[in-house]
Amino acid sequence: MSESKRRVKRIGTRRGETPLQYLLRVMRDETVDDARRDKAAAAALPYCCARLATRYVGTAERAALAAKAAGRDVEWDDDLRTEAIN
């Protein structure tokens, strides 16, 4: 654990708050230096906002998705449905 993380944990524990609560308090305190507030906000961000997972879509999967979407939202899309053939 880095020294800064130990410091956050130690200070927060003394006040009876979690490390996240400490970071949010520092971030919201207008008397604190802006650089420190920015660092607190950046450190708290992963715990407050979900991160979207990135996923690689290969060529075959991209082609399958394109084929599945082909003909949607056009005037003749009913002709592409298998129910129309029967």
Protein backbone atom coordinates (compact mmCIF):
# COMPACT_ATOMS: atom_id res chain seq x y z
CA MET A 1 0.00 0.00 0.00
CA SER A 2 1.38 3.39 -0.95
CA GLU A 3 2.14 6.06 1.64
CA SER A 4 -0.68 8.31 0.36
CA LYS A 5 -3.21 5.47 0.68
CA ARG A 6 -2.01 4.71 4.21
CA ARG A 7 -2.33 8.41 5.06
CA VAL A 8 -5.92 8.60 3.74
CA LYS A 9 -6.85 5.47 5.67
CA ARG A 10 -5.19 6.72 8.88
CA ILE A 11 -6.81 10.19 8.74
CA GLY A 12 -10.23 8.82 7.85
CA THR A 13 -10.10 6.20 10.57
CA ARG A 14 -9.32 8.84 13.19
CA ARG A 15 -12.44 10.78 12.24
CA GLY A 16 -14.63 7.67 11.97
CA GLU A 17 -15.11 7.95 8.22
CA THR A 18 -14.26 5.63 5.38
CA PRO A 19 -11.49 6.52 2.95
CA LEU A 20 -14.13 7.36 0.33
CA GLN A 21 -15.93 9.69 2.74
CA TYR A 22 -12.61 11.39 3.47
CA LEU A 23 -11.85 11.87 -0.23
CA LEU A 24 -15.31 13.29 -0.89
CA ARG A 25 -14.96 15.66 2.07
CA VAL A 26 -11.61 16.93 0.78
CA MET A 27 -13.01 17.26 -2.74
CA ARG A 28 -15.96 19.37 -1.55
CA ASP A 29 -13.94 21.58 0.82
CA GLU A 30 -13.50 24.94 -0.94
CA THR A 31 -10.73 25.96 1.47
CA VAL A 32 -8.48 23.12 0.26
CA ASP A 33 -5.98 23.72 -2.56
CA ASP A 34 -7.49 23.02 -6.00
CA ALA A 35 -4.75 20.55 -6.95
CA ARG A 36 -5.46 18.49 -3.84
CA ARG A 37 -9.21 18.64 -4.49
CA ASP A 38 -8.61 17.41 -8.04
CA LYS A 39 -6.53 14.49 -6.79
CA ALA A 40 -9.20 13.58 -4.24
CA ALA A 41 -11.86 13.66 -6.95
CA ALA A 42 -9.77 11.47 -9.24
CA ALA A 43 -9.12 8.97 -6.44
CA ALA A 44 -12.82 8.81 -5.49
CA LEU A 45 -14.13 8.53 -9.05
CA PRO A 46 -13.82 4.74 -9.49
CA TYR A 47 -15.89 4.20 -6.34
CA CYS A 48 -18.65 6.63 -7.36
CA CYS A 49 -19.13 5.97 -11.07
CA ALA A 50 -19.27 2.66 -12.85
CA ARG A 51 -16.81 2.24 -15.65
CA LEU A 52 -18.08 0.85 -18.90
CA ALA A 53 -16.31 -2.29 -19.91
CA THR A 54 -14.62 -2.22 -23.26
CA ARG A 55 -14.99 -5.27 -25.40
CA TYR A 56 -13.19 -6.15 -28.60
CA VAL A 57 -15.51 -7.06 -31.47
CA GLY A 58 -13.74 -9.17 -34.06
CA THR A 59 -14.28 -9.12 -37.80
CA ALA A 60 -16.58 -12.16 -37.87
CA GLU A 61 -18.71 -10.85 -35.02
CA ARG A 62 -18.88 -7.39 -36.61
CA ALA A 63 -20.04 -8.97 -39.90
CA ALA A 64 -22.68 -11.04 -38.09
CA LEU A 65 -24.01 -7.95 -36.31
CA ALA A 66 -24.10 -6.01 -39.58
CA ALA A 67 -25.96 -8.84 -41.33
CA LYS A 68 -28.46 -9.03 -38.48
CA ALA A 69 -29.11 -5.28 -38.70
CA ALA A 70 -29.24 -5.14 -42.52
CA GLY A 71 -32.53 -3.93 -43.91
CA ARG A 72 -33.82 -2.46 -40.67
CA ASP A 73 -35.71 0.81 -40.83
CA VAL A 74 -36.24 0.74 -44.59
CA GLU A 75 -39.57 0.62 -46.39
CA TRP A 76 -38.97 -2.94 -47.62
CA ASP A 77 -37.84 -4.48 -44.30
CA ASP A 78 -41.04 -6.58 -44.16
CA ASP A 79 -39.84 -8.44 -47.27
CA LEU A 80 -36.78 -9.66 -45.36
CA ARG A 81 -38.74 -11.37 -42.58
CA THR A 82 -39.13 -15.12 -42.88
CA GLU A 83 -42.81 -14.91 -41.91
CA ALA A 84 -43.48 -12.96 -45.13
CA ILE A 85 -42.22 -15.87 -47.25
CA ASN A 86 -44.71 -18.41 -45.85
